N, C-alpha and C. Protein backbone atom coordinates (compact mmCIF):
# COMPACT_ATOMS: atom_id res chain seq x y z
N UNK A 1 102.71 137.59 152.68
CA UNK A 1 102.58 137.27 151.44
C UNK A 1 103.48 137.62 150.67
N UNK A 2 103.53 139.34 151.07
CA UNK A 2 104.65 140.02 150.18
C UNK A 2 105.85 139.54 150.76
N UNK A 3 106.34 139.61 152.20
CA UNK A 3 107.21 139.63 152.84
C UNK A 3 107.46 137.98 152.28
N UNK A 4 107.26 137.22 152.71
CA UNK A 4 107.42 135.80 151.99
C UNK A 4 107.83 135.85 150.82
N UNK A 5 107.30 136.30 149.55
CA UNK A 5 107.22 136.40 148.36
C UNK A 5 109.17 136.87 147.74
N UNK A 6 109.31 138.31 148.89
CA UNK A 6 110.45 138.85 149.21
C UNK A 6 111.58 137.84 148.77
N UNK A 7 111.39 136.74 149.57
CA UNK A 7 112.28 135.71 149.69
C UNK A 7 112.67 135.08 149.28
N UNK A 8 111.91 134.60 147.69
CA UNK A 8 111.41 133.48 146.84
C UNK A 8 111.92 133.82 145.87
N UNK A 9 112.32 135.22 145.14
CA UNK A 9 113.30 135.22 144.30
C UNK A 9 112.05 135.18 142.75
N UNK A 10 112.11 135.85 142.04
CA UNK A 10 111.38 136.45 140.98
C UNK A 10 110.54 135.06 140.45
N UNK A 11 111.85 133.91 140.03
CA UNK A 11 111.29 132.53 139.31
C UNK A 11 110.21 131.86 139.83
N UNK A 12 110.79 131.81 141.93
CA UNK A 12 110.13 130.90 142.61
C UNK A 12 108.26 131.48 142.88
N UNK A 13 108.38 132.71 142.43
CA UNK A 13 107.11 133.28 143.55
C UNK A 13 105.91 133.01 143.23
N UNK A 14 105.92 132.12 141.87
CA UNK A 14 104.17 131.63 141.61
C UNK A 14 104.18 130.42 142.50
N UNK A 15 105.77 129.72 142.66
CA UNK A 15 105.13 128.09 143.15
C UNK A 15 104.98 128.43 144.73
N UNK A 16 106.07 129.36 145.46
CA UNK A 16 106.14 129.61 146.62
C UNK A 16 104.60 129.77 147.35
N UNK A 17 103.93 130.92 146.35
CA UNK A 17 103.22 131.48 146.57
C UNK A 17 101.96 130.07 146.92
N UNK A 18 101.96 129.55 145.79
CA UNK A 18 100.84 128.26 145.68
C UNK A 18 101.02 127.09 146.66
N UNK A 19 102.95 127.22 147.04
CA UNK A 19 102.45 126.11 148.14
C UNK A 19 101.93 127.17 149.65
N UNK A 20 102.58 128.29 149.73
CA UNK A 20 101.64 128.48 151.07
C UNK A 20 100.68 128.77 150.97
N UNK A 21 99.31 129.16 150.23
CA UNK A 21 98.22 129.26 149.86
C UNK A 21 97.36 127.87 150.03
N UNK A 22 97.93 126.53 150.15
CA UNK A 22 97.29 125.16 150.48
C UNK A 22 97.62 125.09 151.78
N UNK A 23 97.99 126.32 152.54
CA UNK A 23 97.70 126.24 154.42
C UNK A 23 96.42 127.09 154.53
N UNK A 24 96.36 127.98 153.46
CA UNK A 24 94.93 128.83 153.86
C UNK A 24 93.18 128.18 153.59
N UNK A 25 93.80 126.51 152.45
CA UNK A 25 92.75 126.10 152.37
C UNK A 25 92.28 125.02 152.74
N UNK A 26 93.26 125.06 154.40
CA UNK A 26 92.60 123.82 155.19
C UNK A 26 91.21 124.20 155.61
N UNK A 27 90.60 123.04 156.11
CA UNK A 27 89.47 122.94 157.01
C UNK A 27 89.48 123.58 158.50
N UNK A 28 90.79 123.15 159.12
CA UNK A 28 90.63 123.62 160.45
C UNK A 28 92.03 123.95 161.05
N UNK A 29 92.42 125.22 161.87
CA UNK A 29 93.34 125.57 162.40
C UNK A 29 94.14 124.26 162.37
N UNK A 30 94.44 122.90 162.88
CA UNK A 30 94.96 122.00 163.20
C UNK A 30 95.63 121.41 161.30
N UNK A 31 94.78 121.54 160.85
CA UNK A 31 95.05 120.91 159.77
C UNK A 31 96.08 121.96 158.87
N UNK A 32 95.53 123.63 158.71
CA UNK A 32 96.77 124.39 158.72
C UNK A 32 97.75 124.57 159.20
N UNK A 33 97.96 124.32 160.60
CA UNK A 33 99.08 124.32 161.30
C UNK A 33 100.15 123.53 160.18
N UNK A 34 99.71 122.16 160.24
CA UNK A 34 100.80 120.38 159.80
C UNK A 34 101.01 121.13 158.28
N UNK A 35 100.00 121.97 157.36
CA UNK A 35 100.02 122.24 155.97
C UNK A 35 101.61 123.16 156.21
N UNK A 36 101.44 124.23 157.38
CA UNK A 36 102.19 125.45 157.27
C UNK A 36 103.46 124.94 157.35
N UNK A 37 103.28 123.84 158.16
CA UNK A 37 104.82 122.89 158.92
C UNK A 37 105.78 122.45 157.78
N UNK A 38 104.50 121.37 156.90
CA UNK A 38 104.65 121.26 155.11
C UNK A 38 106.00 121.67 154.39
N UNK A 39 105.05 122.94 154.15
CA UNK A 39 105.47 123.88 153.12
C UNK A 39 106.80 124.33 153.50
N UNK A 40 106.75 124.85 155.19
CA UNK A 40 108.43 125.17 155.27
C UNK A 40 109.11 124.38 155.45
N UNK A 41 109.13 123.10 155.88
CA UNK A 41 109.94 122.13 155.72
C UNK A 41 110.38 121.82 154.36
N UNK A 42 109.71 121.27 153.09
CA UNK A 42 110.24 121.55 151.98
C UNK A 42 110.66 122.39 151.20
N UNK A 43 110.45 123.60 151.84
CA UNK A 43 111.57 124.90 150.62
C UNK A 43 112.63 125.36 151.57
N UNK A 44 112.71 124.78 152.92
CA UNK A 44 113.91 124.65 154.02
C UNK A 44 115.16 124.04 152.99
N UNK A 45 115.47 123.74 152.35
CA UNK A 45 116.53 123.27 151.59
C UNK A 45 116.81 124.32 150.70
N UNK A 46 115.91 125.07 150.36
CA UNK A 46 116.62 125.64 149.06
C UNK A 46 116.52 127.41 149.58
N UNK A 47 115.04 127.81 150.20
CA UNK A 47 114.92 129.13 150.75
C UNK A 47 114.90 129.04 152.16
N UNK A 48 116.04 129.04 152.35
CA UNK A 48 115.94 128.50 154.57
C UNK A 48 115.55 129.95 154.94
N UNK A 49 115.77 130.87 154.61
CA UNK A 49 115.10 132.33 154.85
C UNK A 49 113.77 132.43 155.02
N UNK A 50 112.93 131.76 153.67
CA UNK A 50 111.74 131.88 153.70
C UNK A 50 111.26 130.85 155.02
N UNK A 51 111.94 129.66 155.17
CA UNK A 51 111.46 129.28 156.22
C UNK A 51 111.80 129.31 157.18
N UNK A 52 112.64 129.75 157.41
CA UNK A 52 112.77 130.71 159.02
C UNK A 52 111.48 131.56 159.79
N UNK A 53 111.51 132.13 158.13
CA UNK A 53 110.45 133.15 158.04
C UNK A 53 109.00 132.85 159.12
N UNK A 54 108.69 131.41 157.82
CA UNK A 54 107.71 131.05 158.29
C UNK A 54 107.67 130.57 159.56
N UNK A 55 108.10 129.91 160.13
CA UNK A 55 108.56 129.61 161.32
C UNK A 55 108.36 130.43 162.99
N UNK A 56 109.02 131.92 162.32
CA UNK A 56 108.49 132.66 163.35
C UNK A 56 107.20 133.35 163.46
N UNK A 57 106.07 133.07 161.60
CA UNK A 57 104.90 134.14 162.04
C UNK A 57 104.07 132.85 162.03
N UNK A 58 103.89 131.59 162.04
CA UNK A 58 103.26 130.45 162.03
C UNK A 58 101.79 130.59 162.83
N UNK A 59 102.05 131.43 164.22
CA UNK A 59 100.65 132.07 165.01
C UNK A 59 100.58 133.00 164.33
N UNK A 60 101.02 134.12 163.91
CA UNK A 60 100.27 135.07 163.99
C UNK A 60 99.24 135.39 162.13
N UNK A 61 100.07 134.54 161.43
CA UNK A 61 99.54 134.30 160.14
C UNK A 61 98.23 133.36 160.12
N UNK A 62 98.33 132.41 160.98
CA UNK A 62 97.55 131.02 161.29
C UNK A 62 95.98 131.74 162.14
N UNK A 63 96.30 132.78 162.96
CA UNK A 63 95.28 133.14 164.19
C UNK A 63 94.21 133.37 163.42
N UNK A 64 94.10 133.55 162.22
CA UNK A 64 92.33 133.53 161.77
C UNK A 64 91.69 132.45 161.38
N UNK A 65 92.20 131.26 161.70
CA UNK A 65 91.75 129.84 161.78
C UNK A 65 91.09 129.33 162.81
N UNK A 66 91.14 130.35 164.41
CA UNK A 66 90.71 130.11 165.44
C UNK A 66 89.09 131.07 165.32
N UNK A 67 88.74 131.50 164.52
CA UNK A 67 87.36 131.74 163.72
C UNK A 67 86.86 130.78 163.14
N UNK A 68 85.56 130.96 163.52
CA UNK A 68 84.65 130.29 162.75
C UNK A 68 84.80 130.20 161.37
N UNK A 69 84.12 129.09 160.13
CA UNK A 69 84.99 128.92 158.75
C UNK A 69 83.32 130.58 157.96
N UNK A 70 82.76 130.24 158.54
CA UNK A 70 81.80 131.55 157.77
C UNK A 70 82.12 132.65 158.04
N UNK A 71 83.00 132.93 159.57
CA UNK A 71 83.94 134.40 159.07
C UNK A 71 84.94 134.68 158.80
N UNK A 72 85.70 133.45 158.26
CA UNK A 72 87.16 133.46 158.09
C UNK A 72 86.92 134.86 156.47
N UNK A 73 86.18 133.79 155.62
CA UNK A 73 86.26 134.99 154.50
C UNK A 73 85.66 136.63 154.46
N UNK A 74 85.29 137.19 155.79
CA UNK A 74 85.30 138.42 155.61
C UNK A 74 86.47 139.33 156.46
N UNK A 75 87.81 137.91 156.71
CA UNK A 75 88.71 139.01 157.64
C UNK A 75 89.50 139.24 156.56
N UNK A 76 90.45 140.62 156.48
CA UNK A 76 91.15 141.13 155.55
C UNK A 76 92.45 141.52 156.57
N UNK A 77 93.58 141.46 155.36
CA UNK A 77 95.08 142.15 156.42
C UNK A 77 95.34 142.56 155.47
N UNK A 78 96.57 143.30 156.34
CA UNK A 78 97.72 144.34 155.18
C UNK A 78 98.52 143.86 154.38
N UNK A 79 98.78 142.11 155.09
CA UNK A 79 99.36 141.22 154.44
C UNK A 79 100.92 141.82 154.73
N UNK A 80 101.24 142.75 155.99
CA UNK A 80 102.18 142.95 156.68
C UNK A 80 102.71 142.17 157.41
N UNK A 81 103.88 141.41 158.09
CA UNK A 81 103.98 140.67 158.68
C UNK A 81 105.72 141.10 159.45
N UNK A 82 105.35 141.32 160.96
CA UNK A 82 106.77 141.93 161.17
C UNK A 82 107.44 140.42 162.19
N UNK A 83 108.28 140.36 161.64
CA UNK A 83 109.26 139.53 162.55
C UNK A 83 109.93 139.78 163.49
């Protein structure tokens, strides 16, 4: 998330964080991927670098969705994503 917000600029960080957060709130992996792509496409015209980063890291960021829902809340991340 830190890497993503670095591309958003100070003014847009809250909005971008909220947009990206909608993908994590989905019930299953398919819905999360669909939402992730929709967010990237919405951001693409104004924040192209961020959308490109989202395209690159989609599989890594959403990997936790392959675990059962009860286990997801217990997973932790450093938030570091290396493109």
